[in-house]
Amino acid sequence: MNRTLIAAALLLASGWAAAHDGHGLAGAHWHASDLFGLALALAAGAGMVWWRGRK
């Protein structure tokens, strides 16, 4: 169940990645929303690590 939910979330999240050329931290320029998305992804990853590590 968890794997299905994670896979679905990752597939649905890819729609937010569509943008103009040169977009993103590795591109020619980036926006504040790019940094917010990166911070949100890092927080989600840390939350998953914490959630799986607790007993």
PDB file of N, CA and C in Angstrom:
ATOM      1  N   MET A   1       0.827  -1.192   0.000  1.00  0.00           N
ATOM      2  CA  MET A   1       0.000   0.000   0.000  1.00  0.00           C
ATOM      3  C   MET A   1       0.874   1.260   0.000  1.00  0.00           C
ATOM      4  N   ASN A   2       1.887   1.291   0.880  1.00  0.00           N
ATOM      5  CA  ASN A   2       2.758   2.468   0.954  1.00  0.00           C
ATOM      6  C   ASN A   2       3.506   2.689  -0.353  1.00  0.00           C
ATOM      7  N   ARG A   3       3.988   1.607  -0.954  1.00  0.00           N
ATOM      8  CA  ARG A   3       4.721   1.740  -2.219  1.00  0.00           C
ATOM      9  C   ARG A   3       3.816   2.289  -3.310  1.00  0.00           C
ATOM     10  N   THR A   4       2.575   1.849  -3.313  1.00  0.00           N
ATOM     11  CA  THR A   4       1.624   2.343  -4.310  1.00  0.00           C
ATOM     12  C   THR A   4       1.370   3.830  -4.118  1.00  0.00           C
ATOM     13  N   LEU A   5       1.180   4.249  -2.878  1.00  0.00           N
ATOM     14  CA  LEU A   5       0.936   5.661  -2.601  1.00  0.00           C
ATOM     15  C   LEU A   5       2.142   6.520  -2.961  1.00  0.00           C
ATOM     16  N   ILE A   6       3.329   6.039  -2.632  1.00  0.00           N
ATOM     17  CA  ILE A   6       4.547   6.792  -2.945  1.00  0.00           C
ATOM     18  C   ILE A   6       4.729   6.891  -4.460  1.00  0.00           C
ATOM     19  N   ALA A   7       4.518   5.779  -5.171  1.00  0.00           N
ATOM     20  CA  ALA A   7       4.655   5.798  -6.627  1.00  0.00           C
ATOM     21  C   ALA A   7       3.640   6.752  -7.254  1.00  0.00           C
ATOM     22  N   ALA A   8       2.413   6.716  -6.772  1.00  0.00           N
ATOM     23  CA  ALA A   8       1.379   7.611  -7.304  1.00  0.00           C
ATOM     24  C   ALA A   8       1.729   9.070  -7.029  1.00  0.00           C
ATOM     25  N   ALA A   9       2.222   9.353  -5.838  1.00  0.00           N
ATOM     26  CA  ALA A   9       2.589  10.726  -5.489  1.00  0.00           C
ATOM     27  C   ALA A   9       3.729  11.227  -6.372  1.00  0.00           C
ATOM     28  N   LEU A  10       4.713  10.382  -6.619  1.00  0.00           N
ATOM     29  CA  LEU A  10       5.836  10.786  -7.465  1.00  0.00           C
ATOM     30  C   LEU A  10       5.402  11.005  -8.910  1.00  0.00           C
ATOM     31  N   LEU A  11       4.520  10.162  -9.399  1.00  0.00           N
ATOM     32  CA  LEU A  11       4.036  10.332 -10.771  1.00  0.00           C
ATOM     33  C   LEU A  11       3.204  11.595 -10.916  1.00  0.00           C
ATOM     34  N   LEU A  12       2.384  11.888  -9.929  1.00  0.00           N
ATOM     35  CA  LEU A  12       1.550  13.083  -9.993  1.00  0.00           C
ATOM     36  C   LEU A  12       2.369  14.355  -9.783  1.00  0.00           C
ATOM     37  N   ALA A  13       3.429  14.277  -8.996  1.00  0.00           N
ATOM     38  CA  ALA A  13       4.255  15.450  -8.712  1.00  0.00           C
ATOM     39  C   ALA A  13       5.045  15.895  -9.940  1.00  0.00           C
ATOM     40  N   SER A  14       5.283  14.990 -10.883  1.00  0.00           N
ATOM     41  CA  SER A  14       6.078  15.360 -12.054  1.00  0.00           C
ATOM     42  C   SER A  14       5.380  16.405 -12.920  1.00  0.00           C
ATOM     43  N   GLY A  15       4.079  16.545 -12.812  1.00  0.00           N
ATOM     44  CA  GLY A  15       3.359  17.559 -13.571  1.00  0.00           C
ATOM     45  C   GLY A  15       3.757  18.967 -13.184  1.00  0.00           C
ATOM     46  N   TRP A  16       4.180  19.169 -11.966  1.00  0.00           N
ATOM     47  CA  TRP A  16       4.594  20.492 -11.497  1.00  0.00           C
ATOM     48  C   TRP A  16       5.943  20.891 -12.080  1.00  0.00           C
ATOM     49  N   ALA A  17       6.687  19.930 -12.632  1.00  0.00           N
ATOM     50  CA  ALA A  17       8.037  20.211 -13.119  1.00  0.00           C
ATOM     51  C   ALA A  17       8.056  20.891 -14.483  1.00  0.00           C
ATOM     52  N   ALA A  18       6.955  20.905 -15.183  1.00  0.00           N
ATOM     53  CA  ALA A  18       6.912  21.505 -16.513  1.00  0.00           C
ATOM     54  C   ALA A  18       7.081  23.022 -16.417  1.00  0.00           C
ATOM     55  N   ALA A  19       8.021  23.551 -17.170  1.00  0.00           N
ATOM     56  CA  ALA A  19       8.278  24.994 -17.136  1.00  0.00           C
ATOM     57  C   ALA A  19       9.011  25.394 -18.411  1.00  0.00           C
ATOM     58  N   HIS A  20       9.386  26.649 -18.498  1.00  0.00           N
ATOM     59  CA  HIS A  20      10.088  27.150 -19.669  1.00  0.00           C
ATOM     60  C   HIS A  20      11.560  26.730 -19.663  1.00  0.00           C
ATOM     61  N   ASP A  21      12.237  26.897 -20.812  1.00  0.00           N
ATOM     62  CA  ASP A  21      13.652  26.527 -20.939  1.00  0.00           C
ATOM     63  C   ASP A  21      14.514  27.321 -19.968  1.00  0.00           C
ATOM     64  N   GLY A  22      15.573  26.680 -19.475  1.00  0.00           N
ATOM     65  CA  GLY A  22      16.492  27.347 -18.560  1.00  0.00           C
ATOM     66  C   GLY A  22      15.975  27.438 -17.146  1.00  0.00           C
ATOM     67  N   HIS A  23      14.918  26.722 -16.845  1.00  0.00           N
ATOM     68  CA  HIS A  23      14.273  26.796 -15.535  1.00  0.00           C
ATOM     69  C   HIS A  23      14.910  25.792 -14.581  1.00  0.00           C
ATOM     70  N   GLY A  24      14.965  26.114 -13.329  1.00  0.00           N
ATOM     71  CA  GLY A  24      15.484  25.203 -12.318  1.00  0.00           C
ATOM     72  C   GLY A  24      16.841  25.627 -11.808  1.00  0.00           C
ATOM     73  N   LEU A  25      17.259  25.000 -10.716  1.00  0.00           N
ATOM     74  CA  LEU A  25      18.522  25.374 -10.084  1.00  0.00           C
ATOM     75  C   LEU A  25      19.725  25.112 -10.987  1.00  0.00           C
ATOM     76  N   ALA A  26      19.644  24.093 -11.855  1.00  0.00           N
ATOM     77  CA  ALA A  26      20.758  23.796 -12.761  1.00  0.00           C
ATOM     78  C   ALA A  26      20.662  24.594 -14.059  1.00  0.00           C
ATOM     79  N   GLY A  27      19.571  25.282 -14.277  1.00  0.00           N
ATOM     80  CA  GLY A  27      19.360  26.044 -15.511  1.00  0.00           C
ATOM     81  C   GLY A  27      19.987  27.423 -15.441  1.00  0.00           C
ATOM     82  N   ALA A  28      19.644  28.223 -16.430  1.00  0.00           N
ATOM     83  CA  ALA A  28      20.200  29.573 -16.528  1.00  0.00           C
ATOM     84  C   ALA A  28      19.697  30.481 -15.413  1.00  0.00           C
ATOM     85  N   HIS A  29      18.508  30.227 -14.934  1.00  0.00           N
ATOM     86  CA  HIS A  29      17.954  31.025 -13.834  1.00  0.00           C
ATOM     87  C   HIS A  29      16.958  30.177 -13.049  1.00  0.00           C
ATOM     88  N   TRP A  30      16.612  30.633 -11.884  1.00  0.00           N
ATOM     89  CA  TRP A  30      15.636  29.916 -11.065  1.00  0.00           C
ATOM     90  C   TRP A  30      14.787  30.915 -10.314  1.00  0.00           C
ATOM     91  N   HIS A  31      13.691  30.430  -9.792  1.00  0.00           N
ATOM     92  CA  HIS A  31      12.732  31.274  -9.098  1.00  0.00           C
ATOM     93  C   HIS A  31      12.642  30.868  -7.632  1.00  0.00           C
ATOM     94  N   ALA A  32      12.058  31.712  -6.823  1.00  0.00           N
ATOM     95  CA  ALA A  32      11.892  31.398  -5.406  1.00  0.00           C
ATOM     96  C   ALA A  32      11.057  30.136  -5.230  1.00  0.00           C
ATOM     97  N   SER A  33      10.118  29.897  -6.123  1.00  0.00           N
ATOM     98  CA  SER A  33       9.290  28.693  -6.017  1.00  0.00           C
ATOM     99  C   SER A  33      10.114  27.428  -6.239  1.00  0.00           C
ATOM    100  N   ASP A  34      11.209  27.514  -7.016  1.00  0.00           N
ATOM    101  CA  ASP A  34      12.093  26.362  -7.184  1.00  0.00           C
ATOM    102  C   ASP A  34      12.743  26.004  -5.855  1.00  0.00           C
ATOM    103  N   LEU A  35      13.205  27.003  -5.146  1.00  0.00           N
ATOM    104  CA  LEU A  35      13.825  26.774  -3.851  1.00  0.00           C
ATOM    105  C   LEU A  35      12.807  26.251  -2.848  1.00  0.00           C
ATOM    106  N   PHE A  36      11.583  26.768  -2.900  1.00  0.00           N
ATOM    107  CA  PHE A  36      10.525  26.286  -2.013  1.00  0.00           C
ATOM    108  C   PHE A  36      10.227  24.817  -2.298  1.00  0.00           C
ATOM    109  N   GLY A  37      10.171  24.443  -3.558  1.00  0.00           N
ATOM    110  CA  GLY A  37       9.927  23.046  -3.923  1.00  0.00           C
ATOM    111  C   GLY A  37      11.046  22.137  -3.455  1.00  0.00           C
ATOM    112  N   LEU A  38      12.284  22.603  -3.580  1.00  0.00           N
ATOM    113  CA  LEU A  38      13.423  21.821  -3.105  1.00  0.00           C
ATOM    114  C   LEU A  38      13.360  21.649  -1.595  1.00  0.00           C
ATOM    115  N   ALA A  39      13.062  22.729  -0.880  1.00  0.00           N
ATOM    116  CA  ALA A  39      12.950  22.649   0.579  1.00  0.00           C
ATOM    117  C   ALA A  39      11.808  21.727   0.989  1.00  0.00           C
ATOM    118  N   LEU A  40      10.706  21.781   0.270  1.00  0.00           N
ATOM    119  CA  LEU A  40       9.565  20.916   0.565  1.00  0.00           C
ATOM    120  C   LEU A  40       9.918  19.450   0.324  1.00  0.00           C
ATOM    121  N   ALA A  41      10.638  19.170  -0.754  1.00  0.00           N
ATOM    122  CA  ALA A  41      11.053  17.799  -1.048  1.00  0.00           C
ATOM    123  C   ALA A  41      12.018  17.280   0.017  1.00  0.00           C
ATOM    124  N   LEU A  42      12.941  18.116   0.451  1.00  0.00           N
ATOM    125  CA  LEU A  42      13.873  17.709   1.507  1.00  0.00           C
ATOM    126  C   LEU A  42      13.145  17.454   2.819  1.00  0.00           C
ATOM    127  N   ALA A  43      12.182  18.302   3.148  1.00  0.00           N
ATOM    128  CA  ALA A  43      11.403  18.114   4.372  1.00  0.00           C
ATOM    129  C   ALA A  43      10.575  16.836   4.293  1.00  0.00           C
ATOM    130  N   ALA A  44      10.003  16.558   3.128  1.00  0.00           N
ATOM    131  CA  ALA A  44       9.224  15.329   2.958  1.00  0.00           C
ATOM    132  C   ALA A  44      10.120  14.102   3.092  1.00  0.00           C
ATOM    133  N   GLY A  45      11.314  14.165   2.507  1.00  0.00           N
ATOM    134  CA  GLY A  45      12.256  13.056   2.635  1.00  0.00           C
ATOM    135  C   GLY A  45      12.694  12.838   4.069  1.00  0.00           C
ATOM    136  N   ALA A  46      12.979  13.922   4.772  1.00  0.00           N
ATOM    137  CA  ALA A  46      13.368  13.805   6.182  1.00  0.00           C
ATOM    138  C   ALA A  46      12.215  13.246   7.007  1.00  0.00           C
ATOM    139  N   GLY A  47      10.994  13.668   6.697  1.00  0.00           N
ATOM    140  CA  GLY A  47       9.827  13.142   7.400  1.00  0.00           C
ATOM    141  C   GLY A  47       9.640  11.657   7.162  1.00  0.00           C
ATOM    142  N   MET A  48       9.889  11.212   5.930  1.00  0.00           N
ATOM    143  CA  MET A  48       9.771   9.783   5.631  1.00  0.00           C
ATOM    144  C   MET A  48      10.829   8.978   6.367  1.00  0.00           C
ATOM    145  N   VAL A  49      12.054   9.492   6.412  1.00  0.00           N
ATOM    146  CA  VAL A  49      13.124   8.801   7.142  1.00  0.00           C
ATOM    147  C   VAL A  49      12.775   8.721   8.620  1.00  0.00           C
ATOM    148  N   TRP A  50      12.296   9.811   9.178  1.00  0.00           N
ATOM    149  CA  TRP A  50      11.911   9.815  10.591  1.00  0.00           C
ATOM    150  C   TRP A  50      10.762   8.845  10.836  1.00  0.00           C
ATOM    151  N   TRP A  51       9.751   8.863   9.965  1.00  0.00           N
ATOM    152  CA  TRP A  51       8.561   8.023  10.144  1.00  0.00           C
ATOM    153  C   TRP A  51       8.931   6.545  10.090  1.00  0.00           C
ATOM    154  N   ARG A  52       9.809   6.178   9.154  1.00  0.00           N
ATOM    155  CA  ARG A  52      10.198   4.768   9.030  1.00  0.00           C
ATOM    156  C   ARG A  52      11.132   4.338  10.154  1.00  0.00           C
ATOM    157  N   GLY A  53      11.876   5.269  10.737  1.00  0.00           N
ATOM    158  CA  GLY A  53      12.837   4.927  11.775  1.00  0.00           C
ATOM    159  C   GLY A  53      12.257   4.821  13.170  1.00  0.00           C
ATOM    160  N   ARG A  54      11.068   5.345  13.374  1.00  0.00           N
ATOM    161  CA  ARG A  54      10.486   5.298  14.722  1.00  0.00           C
ATOM    162  C   ARG A  54       9.908   3.922  14.999  1.00  0.00           C
ATOM    163  N   LYS A  55       9.884   3.555  16.277  1.00  0.00           N
ATOM    164  CA  LYS A  55       9.352   2.231  16.652  1.00  0.00           C
ATOM    165  C   LYS A  55       8.394   2.322  17.787  1.00  0.00           C
TER     166      LYS A  55
END
